[in-house]
Amino acid sequence: MKNLVLVRHAKSNWDMPLKDIDRPLDQRGLQDAHLVSSNIQKHVPKKYIIWSSPAKRASDTAVIFAQNMLYPIENIVYKEELYTFDEKQLEHIVKSCANSFDSVILFGHNAAITNFVNKFGDVFIDNVPTSGFVSLEFDTDYWDKINKGKTKKIIMPKDLK
């Protein structure tokens, strides 16, 4: 059994003239990341690894979640390839995960996240919002064999407000 949790980075700040990869979280993003990460403990596997896009907004979101889940932030793995908006590239990265890991929590970007969960989950989601959490379960022992899985849990910030 393989478990994959996808989290779209929290809302970012567009007010400063920065490169896309350098945009920080805005105040609502900080609040939503804390809100969602404080309400997911019973929906995450007991053992997992965390992967994140190196983009500032995604890495900051991953750190907030890790801190609230008591996961050592120095164990977060930053993958350049996760700075993608393409679900095919995201699929390639997920399918390349070592089979010794049964559960991955991944922090990334749209449209890759929404398109991925719609391709591999069994619940259609029009749009995974910023700080959105989607947990998928796959009935296989091999990441490269994942196919249509089961959507186990969806948590959106608006559902917690």
N, C-alpha and C. Protein backbone atom coordinates (compact mmCIF):
# COMPACT_ATOMS: atom_id res chain seq x y z
N MET A 1 0.85 -1.18 0.00
CA MET A 1 0.00 0.00 0.00
C MET A 1 0.90 1.25 0.00
N LYS A 2 0.60 2.18 -0.88
CA LYS A 2 1.33 3.45 -0.94
C LYS A 2 0.35 4.58 -0.63
N ASN A 3 0.83 5.55 0.13
CA ASN A 3 0.03 6.72 0.52
C ASN A 3 0.74 7.98 0.05
N LEU A 4 -0.03 8.85 -0.59
CA LEU A 4 0.51 10.11 -1.07
C LEU A 4 -0.40 11.24 -0.62
N VAL A 5 0.18 12.20 0.07
CA VAL A 5 -0.54 13.40 0.46
C VAL A 5 0.02 14.54 -0.36
N LEU A 6 -0.85 15.26 -1.05
CA LEU A 6 -0.42 16.42 -1.83
C LEU A 6 -0.98 17.67 -1.17
N VAL A 7 -0.10 18.65 -0.99
CA VAL A 7 -0.50 19.93 -0.41
C VAL A 7 -0.07 21.03 -1.37
N ARG A 8 -1.03 21.83 -1.77
CA ARG A 8 -0.68 22.99 -2.59
C ARG A 8 -0.13 24.07 -1.65
N HIS A 9 0.94 24.72 -2.06
CA HIS A 9 1.53 25.76 -1.22
C HIS A 9 0.48 26.78 -0.80
N ALA A 10 0.73 27.42 0.34
CA ALA A 10 -0.18 28.44 0.86
C ALA A 10 -0.15 29.68 -0.03
N LYS A 11 -1.11 30.56 0.18
CA LYS A 11 -1.24 31.78 -0.63
C LYS A 11 0.02 32.63 -0.54
N SER A 12 0.47 33.06 -1.71
CA SER A 12 1.71 33.83 -1.76
C SER A 12 1.44 35.31 -2.01
N ASN A 13 2.48 36.08 -1.77
CA ASN A 13 2.41 37.53 -1.88
C ASN A 13 2.90 37.95 -3.27
N TRP A 14 2.06 38.72 -3.96
CA TRP A 14 2.40 39.21 -5.30
C TRP A 14 2.79 40.69 -5.27
N ASP A 15 2.89 41.28 -4.09
CA ASP A 15 3.11 42.73 -3.98
C ASP A 15 4.52 43.18 -4.33
N MET A 16 5.47 42.28 -4.22
CA MET A 16 6.86 42.67 -4.47
C MET A 16 7.34 42.19 -5.84
N PRO A 17 8.19 42.95 -6.49
CA PRO A 17 8.70 42.54 -7.82
C PRO A 17 9.82 41.50 -7.67
N LEU A 18 9.41 40.25 -7.46
CA LEU A 18 10.35 39.15 -7.27
C LEU A 18 10.19 38.12 -8.37
N LYS A 19 11.21 37.29 -8.55
CA LYS A 19 11.07 36.13 -9.43
C LYS A 19 10.01 35.23 -8.83
N ASP A 20 9.30 34.49 -9.68
CA ASP A 20 8.23 33.62 -9.21
C ASP A 20 8.71 32.68 -8.11
N ILE A 21 9.87 32.09 -8.26
CA ILE A 21 10.37 31.11 -7.29
C ILE A 21 10.64 31.73 -5.92
N ASP A 22 10.81 33.05 -5.86
CA ASP A 22 11.16 33.75 -4.62
C ASP A 22 9.98 34.36 -3.87
N ARG A 23 8.76 34.23 -4.41
CA ARG A 23 7.61 34.87 -3.76
C ARG A 23 7.33 34.24 -2.39
N PRO A 24 7.20 35.06 -1.34
CA PRO A 24 6.91 34.55 0.00
C PRO A 24 5.41 34.37 0.22
N LEU A 25 5.05 33.82 1.36
CA LEU A 25 3.65 33.68 1.73
C LEU A 25 3.12 35.04 2.19
N ASP A 26 1.82 35.26 1.95
CA ASP A 26 1.20 36.45 2.52
C ASP A 26 0.55 36.08 3.85
N GLN A 27 -0.06 37.06 4.50
CA GLN A 27 -0.62 36.82 5.84
C GLN A 27 -1.69 35.72 5.83
N ARG A 28 -2.57 35.76 4.85
CA ARG A 28 -3.61 34.71 4.77
C ARG A 28 -2.97 33.35 4.55
N GLY A 29 -1.91 33.31 3.74
CA GLY A 29 -1.21 32.06 3.50
C GLY A 29 -0.63 31.48 4.78
N LEU A 30 -0.01 32.32 5.57
CA LEU A 30 0.54 31.88 6.86
C LEU A 30 -0.57 31.33 7.76
N GLN A 31 -1.67 32.06 7.84
CA GLN A 31 -2.79 31.63 8.70
C GLN A 31 -3.39 30.31 8.21
N ASP A 32 -3.62 30.20 6.89
CA ASP A 32 -4.23 28.98 6.34
C ASP A 32 -3.31 27.77 6.49
N ALA A 33 -2.01 27.97 6.30
CA ALA A 33 -1.06 26.85 6.45
C ALA A 33 -1.09 26.34 7.89
N HIS A 34 -1.12 27.25 8.85
CA HIS A 34 -1.20 26.83 10.26
C HIS A 34 -2.53 26.16 10.55
N LEU A 35 -3.62 26.71 10.01
CA LEU A 35 -4.95 26.16 10.25
C LEU A 35 -5.05 24.73 9.73
N VAL A 36 -4.68 24.51 8.47
CA VAL A 36 -4.80 23.18 7.88
C VAL A 36 -3.84 22.20 8.57
N SER A 37 -2.58 22.61 8.75
CA SER A 37 -1.60 21.69 9.33
C SER A 37 -1.92 21.32 10.77
N SER A 38 -2.69 22.14 11.44
CA SER A 38 -3.10 21.83 12.82
C SER A 38 -4.31 20.90 12.87
N ASN A 39 -4.87 20.59 11.71
CA ASN A 39 -6.09 19.77 11.67
C ASN A 39 -5.96 18.51 10.82
N ILE A 40 -4.73 18.05 10.60
CA ILE A 40 -4.54 16.89 9.72
C ILE A 40 -3.94 15.68 10.41
N GLN A 41 -3.55 15.79 11.67
CA GLN A 41 -2.78 14.74 12.33
C GLN A 41 -3.40 13.36 12.16
N LYS A 42 -4.71 13.23 12.30
CA LYS A 42 -5.32 11.90 12.20
C LYS A 42 -5.48 11.44 10.75
N HIS A 43 -5.09 12.30 9.79
CA HIS A 43 -5.23 11.95 8.38
C HIS A 43 -3.90 11.72 7.68
N VAL A 44 -2.82 11.76 8.44
CA VAL A 44 -1.51 11.49 7.84
C VAL A 44 -1.02 10.13 8.33
N PRO A 45 -0.27 9.43 7.50
CA PRO A 45 0.28 8.13 7.92
C PRO A 45 1.19 8.29 9.14
N LYS A 46 1.42 7.20 9.85
CA LYS A 46 2.28 7.25 11.04
C LYS A 46 3.73 7.55 10.66
N LYS A 47 4.22 6.97 9.57
CA LYS A 47 5.58 7.20 9.09
C LYS A 47 5.51 7.75 7.68
N TYR A 48 6.30 8.78 7.41
CA TYR A 48 6.27 9.40 6.08
C TYR A 48 7.54 10.20 5.87
N ILE A 49 7.75 10.58 4.62
CA ILE A 49 8.80 11.53 4.28
C ILE A 49 8.11 12.76 3.69
N ILE A 50 8.78 13.89 3.76
CA ILE A 50 8.25 15.12 3.17
C ILE A 50 9.16 15.57 2.04
N TRP A 51 8.53 15.81 0.89
CA TRP A 51 9.20 16.38 -0.27
C TRP A 51 8.58 17.74 -0.53
N SER A 52 9.41 18.70 -0.96
CA SER A 52 8.88 20.03 -1.28
C SER A 52 9.58 20.62 -2.49
N SER A 53 8.81 21.40 -3.22
CA SER A 53 9.39 22.28 -4.24
C SER A 53 10.31 23.26 -3.50
N PRO A 54 11.40 23.69 -4.15
CA PRO A 54 12.28 24.65 -3.51
C PRO A 54 11.76 26.10 -3.55
N ALA A 55 10.65 26.33 -4.25
CA ALA A 55 10.08 27.68 -4.30
C ALA A 55 9.79 28.15 -2.87
N LYS A 56 10.07 29.41 -2.58
CA LYS A 56 9.93 29.92 -1.22
C LYS A 56 8.53 29.66 -0.65
N ARG A 57 7.49 29.89 -1.43
CA ARG A 57 6.13 29.72 -0.92
C ARG A 57 5.84 28.26 -0.58
N ALA A 58 6.39 27.32 -1.36
CA ALA A 58 6.18 25.89 -1.08
C ALA A 58 7.04 25.44 0.09
N SER A 59 8.29 25.85 0.10
CA SER A 59 9.18 25.42 1.19
C SER A 59 8.72 26.01 2.53
N ASP A 60 8.26 27.25 2.54
CA ASP A 60 7.74 27.84 3.79
C ASP A 60 6.49 27.11 4.25
N THR A 61 5.64 26.70 3.31
CA THR A 61 4.44 25.93 3.66
C THR A 61 4.85 24.59 4.26
N ALA A 62 5.82 23.93 3.64
CA ALA A 62 6.30 22.63 4.14
C ALA A 62 6.85 22.76 5.55
N VAL A 63 7.58 23.83 5.82
CA VAL A 63 8.16 24.04 7.15
C VAL A 63 7.04 24.24 8.19
N ILE A 64 6.04 25.02 7.86
CA ILE A 64 4.92 25.24 8.78
C ILE A 64 4.22 23.91 9.09
N PHE A 65 3.94 23.13 8.06
CA PHE A 65 3.29 21.83 8.27
C PHE A 65 4.18 20.93 9.11
N ALA A 66 5.46 20.86 8.77
CA ALA A 66 6.39 19.99 9.50
C ALA A 66 6.43 20.38 10.99
N GLN A 67 6.53 21.66 11.26
CA GLN A 67 6.58 22.10 12.66
C GLN A 67 5.31 21.71 13.41
N ASN A 68 4.16 21.89 12.78
CA ASN A 68 2.89 21.57 13.45
C ASN A 68 2.65 20.07 13.54
N MET A 69 3.35 19.27 12.72
CA MET A 69 3.22 17.81 12.77
C MET A 69 4.39 17.18 13.54
N LEU A 70 5.24 18.03 14.12
CA LEU A 70 6.41 17.58 14.88
C LEU A 70 7.35 16.72 14.03
N TYR A 71 7.51 17.12 12.78
CA TYR A 71 8.43 16.46 11.85
C TYR A 71 9.70 17.31 11.79
N PRO A 72 10.87 16.70 11.89
CA PRO A 72 12.11 17.50 11.87
C PRO A 72 12.30 18.24 10.54
N ILE A 73 12.35 19.57 10.61
CA ILE A 73 12.43 20.35 9.36
C ILE A 73 13.71 20.05 8.59
N GLU A 74 14.76 19.62 9.27
CA GLU A 74 15.99 19.29 8.55
C GLU A 74 15.85 18.02 7.71
N ASN A 75 14.78 17.27 7.90
CA ASN A 75 14.53 16.06 7.11
C ASN A 75 13.69 16.31 5.87
N ILE A 76 13.20 17.53 5.69
CA ILE A 76 12.45 17.85 4.47
C ILE A 76 13.40 17.75 3.28
N VAL A 77 12.95 17.05 2.24
CA VAL A 77 13.76 16.90 1.02
C VAL A 77 13.23 17.89 -0.02
N TYR A 78 14.10 18.79 -0.46
CA TYR A 78 13.72 19.77 -1.48
C TYR A 78 14.16 19.24 -2.84
N LYS A 79 13.20 19.14 -3.75
CA LYS A 79 13.46 18.60 -5.08
C LYS A 79 13.19 19.66 -6.13
N GLU A 80 14.23 20.02 -6.86
CA GLU A 80 14.10 21.03 -7.93
C GLU A 80 12.96 20.67 -8.89
N GLU A 81 12.82 19.38 -9.18
CA GLU A 81 11.81 18.93 -10.16
C GLU A 81 10.39 19.20 -9.70
N LEU A 82 10.19 19.43 -8.40
CA LEU A 82 8.84 19.72 -7.90
C LEU A 82 8.42 21.17 -8.14
N TYR A 83 9.34 21.98 -8.62
CA TYR A 83 8.96 23.34 -9.03
C TYR A 83 8.40 23.21 -10.45
N THR A 84 7.21 22.63 -10.49
CA THR A 84 6.56 22.36 -11.77
C THR A 84 5.07 22.63 -11.65
N PHE A 85 4.47 22.96 -12.78
CA PHE A 85 3.03 23.20 -12.85
C PHE A 85 2.38 22.13 -13.74
N ASP A 86 3.19 21.16 -14.15
CA ASP A 86 2.79 20.11 -15.09
C ASP A 86 2.59 18.78 -14.38
N GLU A 87 1.38 18.22 -14.48
CA GLU A 87 1.08 16.97 -13.77
C GLU A 87 1.87 15.78 -14.31
N LYS A 88 2.27 15.80 -15.58
CA LYS A 88 3.06 14.69 -16.11
C LYS A 88 4.44 14.65 -15.45
N GLN A 89 5.03 15.80 -15.24
CA GLN A 89 6.31 15.86 -14.55
C GLN A 89 6.14 15.44 -13.08
N LEU A 90 5.05 15.89 -12.45
CA LEU A 90 4.76 15.50 -11.08
C LEU A 90 4.58 13.99 -10.98
N GLU A 91 3.86 13.41 -11.92
CA GLU A 91 3.66 11.96 -11.96
C GLU A 91 5.01 11.25 -12.07
N HIS A 92 5.87 11.73 -12.93
CA HIS A 92 7.19 11.11 -13.11
C HIS A 92 7.98 11.14 -11.78
N ILE A 93 7.93 12.25 -11.08
CA ILE A 93 8.65 12.38 -9.81
C ILE A 93 8.09 11.41 -8.78
N VAL A 94 6.76 11.36 -8.65
CA VAL A 94 6.13 10.46 -7.67
C VAL A 94 6.47 9.01 -8.00
N LYS A 95 6.40 8.65 -9.26
CA LYS A 95 6.66 7.26 -9.66
C LYS A 95 8.13 6.88 -9.51
N SER A 96 9.00 7.86 -9.31
CA SER A 96 10.42 7.57 -9.13
C SER A 96 10.79 7.40 -7.66
N CYS A 97 9.82 7.53 -6.75
CA CYS A 97 10.08 7.40 -5.32
C CYS A 97 10.55 5.98 -5.01
N ALA A 98 11.51 5.87 -4.10
CA ALA A 98 12.00 4.56 -3.67
C ALA A 98 10.87 3.78 -2.99
N ASN A 99 10.73 2.51 -3.34
CA ASN A 99 9.66 1.69 -2.79
C ASN A 99 9.81 1.43 -1.30
N SER A 100 10.97 1.73 -0.74
CA SER A 100 11.15 1.56 0.71
C SER A 100 10.33 2.58 1.50
N PHE A 101 9.89 3.64 0.86
CA PHE A 101 9.01 4.62 1.49
C PHE A 101 7.57 4.31 1.11
N ASP A 102 6.73 4.10 2.12
CA ASP A 102 5.32 3.79 1.84
C ASP A 102 4.45 5.04 1.77
N SER A 103 4.92 6.14 2.38
CA SER A 103 4.09 7.34 2.46
C SER A 103 4.93 8.59 2.22
N VAL A 104 4.40 9.46 1.36
CA VAL A 104 5.07 10.72 1.03
C VAL A 104 4.06 11.85 1.19
N ILE A 105 4.52 12.94 1.81
CA ILE A 105 3.74 14.17 1.85
C ILE A 105 4.50 15.14 0.96
N LEU A 106 3.82 15.65 -0.07
CA LEU A 106 4.46 16.43 -1.12
C LEU A 106 3.87 17.84 -1.17
N PHE A 107 4.72 18.85 -1.22
CA PHE A 107 4.29 20.26 -1.30
C PHE A 107 4.67 20.79 -2.67
N GLY A 108 3.64 21.24 -3.41
CA GLY A 108 3.90 21.69 -4.78
C GLY A 108 2.95 22.77 -5.23
N HIS A 109 2.74 22.78 -6.55
CA HIS A 109 2.08 23.90 -7.22
C HIS A 109 0.91 23.43 -8.08
N ASN A 110 0.00 24.36 -8.35
CA ASN A 110 -1.06 24.13 -9.33
C ASN A 110 -0.52 24.57 -10.68
N ALA A 111 -0.98 24.03 -11.73
CA ALA A 111 -2.10 23.13 -11.95
C ALA A 111 -1.71 21.67 -11.75
N ALA A 112 -0.43 21.41 -11.50
CA ALA A 112 0.04 20.03 -11.34
C ALA A 112 -0.72 19.29 -10.25
N ILE A 113 -0.92 19.93 -9.10
CA ILE A 113 -1.58 19.26 -7.97
C ILE A 113 -3.02 18.88 -8.33
N THR A 114 -3.81 19.85 -8.78
CA THR A 114 -5.22 19.56 -9.11
C THR A 114 -5.33 18.50 -10.20
N ASN A 115 -4.56 18.63 -11.25
CA ASN A 115 -4.63 17.65 -12.34
C ASN A 115 -4.18 16.27 -11.89
N PHE A 116 -3.16 16.20 -11.04
CA PHE A 116 -2.68 14.92 -10.53
C PHE A 116 -3.76 14.23 -9.69
N VAL A 117 -4.35 14.96 -8.73
CA VAL A 117 -5.35 14.32 -7.86
C VAL A 117 -6.59 13.91 -8.64
N ASN A 118 -6.90 14.61 -9.72
CA ASN A 118 -8.04 14.21 -10.53
C ASN A 118 -7.72 13.00 -11.40
N LYS A 119 -6.49 12.86 -11.81
CA LYS A 119 -6.10 11.68 -12.60
C LYS A 119 -5.98 10.44 -11.72
N PHE A 120 -5.44 10.59 -10.52
CA PHE A 120 -5.14 9.43 -9.69
C PHE A 120 -6.11 9.19 -8.54
N GLY A 121 -6.94 10.17 -8.21
CA GLY A 121 -7.92 9.98 -7.15
C GLY A 121 -9.26 9.56 -7.72
N ASP A 122 -10.20 9.24 -6.83
CA ASP A 122 -11.53 8.82 -7.29
C ASP A 122 -12.61 9.86 -6.97
N VAL A 123 -12.18 11.07 -6.59
CA VAL A 123 -13.10 12.18 -6.34
C VAL A 123 -12.62 13.36 -7.18
N PHE A 124 -13.52 13.93 -7.99
CA PHE A 124 -13.13 15.08 -8.81
C PHE A 124 -13.08 16.32 -7.93
N ILE A 125 -12.00 17.08 -8.07
CA ILE A 125 -11.84 18.34 -7.36
C ILE A 125 -11.63 19.42 -8.41
N ASP A 126 -12.54 20.39 -8.44
CA ASP A 126 -12.47 21.44 -9.45
C ASP A 126 -11.15 22.20 -9.36
N ASN A 127 -10.72 22.51 -8.14
CA ASN A 127 -9.47 23.24 -7.94
C ASN A 127 -8.99 22.99 -6.51
N VAL A 128 -7.78 22.49 -6.36
CA VAL A 128 -7.19 22.38 -5.02
C VAL A 128 -6.69 23.79 -4.67
N PRO A 129 -7.29 24.42 -3.66
CA PRO A 129 -6.90 25.80 -3.34
C PRO A 129 -5.55 25.84 -2.62
N THR A 130 -5.02 27.03 -2.45
CA THR A 130 -3.80 27.18 -1.67
C THR A 130 -4.04 26.62 -0.27
N SER A 131 -3.04 25.93 0.25
CA SER A 131 -3.09 25.20 1.53
C SER A 131 -4.03 24.00 1.49
N GLY A 132 -4.53 23.64 0.32
CA GLY A 132 -5.40 22.46 0.19
C GLY A 132 -4.61 21.18 0.41
N PHE A 133 -5.25 20.21 1.08
CA PHE A 133 -4.65 18.93 1.47
C PHE A 133 -5.47 17.81 0.85
N VAL A 134 -4.82 16.91 0.10
CA VAL A 134 -5.53 15.78 -0.50
C VAL A 134 -4.69 14.53 -0.24
N SER A 135 -5.33 13.52 0.37
CA SER A 135 -4.66 12.27 0.68
C SER A 135 -5.17 11.17 -0.26
N LEU A 136 -4.22 10.50 -0.91
CA LEU A 136 -4.55 9.41 -1.84
C LEU A 136 -3.93 8.11 -1.34
N GLU A 137 -4.61 7.00 -1.61
CA GLU A 137 -4.11 5.68 -1.24
C GLU A 137 -4.10 4.79 -2.48
N PHE A 138 -3.01 4.07 -2.66
CA PHE A 138 -2.85 3.20 -3.83
C PHE A 138 -2.64 1.76 -3.38
N ASP A 139 -3.36 0.85 -4.00
CA ASP A 139 -3.28 -0.56 -3.66
C ASP A 139 -2.15 -1.23 -4.44
N THR A 140 -0.93 -0.84 -4.13
CA THR A 140 0.26 -1.40 -4.75
C THR A 140 1.44 -1.21 -3.80
N ASP A 141 2.47 -1.99 -4.00
CA ASP A 141 3.69 -1.84 -3.20
C ASP A 141 4.79 -1.13 -3.98
N TYR A 142 4.46 -0.67 -5.19
CA TYR A 142 5.47 -0.07 -6.07
C TYR A 142 4.99 1.28 -6.57
N TRP A 143 5.79 2.31 -6.30
CA TRP A 143 5.42 3.65 -6.74
C TRP A 143 5.26 3.74 -8.25
N ASP A 144 6.11 3.05 -9.00
CA ASP A 144 6.02 3.15 -10.46
C ASP A 144 4.80 2.43 -11.02
N LYS A 145 4.05 1.74 -10.16
CA LYS A 145 2.84 1.02 -10.59
C LYS A 145 1.56 1.72 -10.13
N ILE A 146 1.68 2.90 -9.50
CA ILE A 146 0.45 3.54 -9.04
C ILE A 146 -0.44 3.85 -10.24
N ASN A 147 -1.71 3.69 -10.02
CA ASN A 147 -2.71 3.95 -11.03
C ASN A 147 -3.87 4.63 -10.30
N LYS A 148 -5.07 4.42 -10.75
CA LYS A 148 -6.21 5.04 -10.07
C LYS A 148 -6.25 4.58 -8.62
N GLY A 149 -6.20 5.53 -7.71
CA GLY A 149 -6.23 5.21 -6.29
C GLY A 149 -7.52 5.67 -5.65
N LYS A 150 -7.51 5.71 -4.34
CA LYS A 150 -8.68 6.14 -3.58
C LYS A 150 -8.36 7.46 -2.90
N THR A 151 -9.25 8.42 -3.05
CA THR A 151 -9.11 9.70 -2.35
C THR A 151 -9.60 9.48 -0.93
N LYS A 152 -8.67 9.54 0.03
CA LYS A 152 -9.00 9.24 1.42
C LYS A 152 -9.50 10.46 2.19
N LYS A 153 -8.90 11.63 1.94
CA LYS A 153 -9.30 12.82 2.70
C LYS A 153 -8.97 14.07 1.90
N ILE A 154 -9.89 15.02 1.94
CA ILE A 154 -9.70 16.34 1.33
C ILE A 154 -9.96 17.36 2.43
N ILE A 155 -8.99 18.25 2.64
CA ILE A 155 -9.17 19.33 3.62
C ILE A 155 -8.82 20.64 2.95
N MET A 156 -9.78 21.52 2.89
CA MET A 156 -9.59 22.86 2.32
C MET A 156 -9.66 23.87 3.46
N PRO A 157 -8.88 24.94 3.39
CA PRO A 157 -8.92 25.94 4.47
C PRO A 157 -10.33 26.44 4.77
N LYS A 158 -11.14 26.66 3.72
CA LYS A 158 -12.50 27.21 3.96
C LYS A 158 -13.37 26.26 4.77
N ASP A 159 -13.05 24.95 4.73
CA ASP A 159 -13.82 23.97 5.50
C ASP A 159 -13.54 24.07 6.99
N LEU A 160 -12.45 24.72 7.36
CA LEU A 160 -12.05 24.81 8.75
C LEU A 160 -12.35 26.16 9.38
N LYS A 161 -12.87 27.07 8.57
CA LYS A 161 -13.13 28.44 9.07
C LYS A 161 -14.56 28.59 9.53
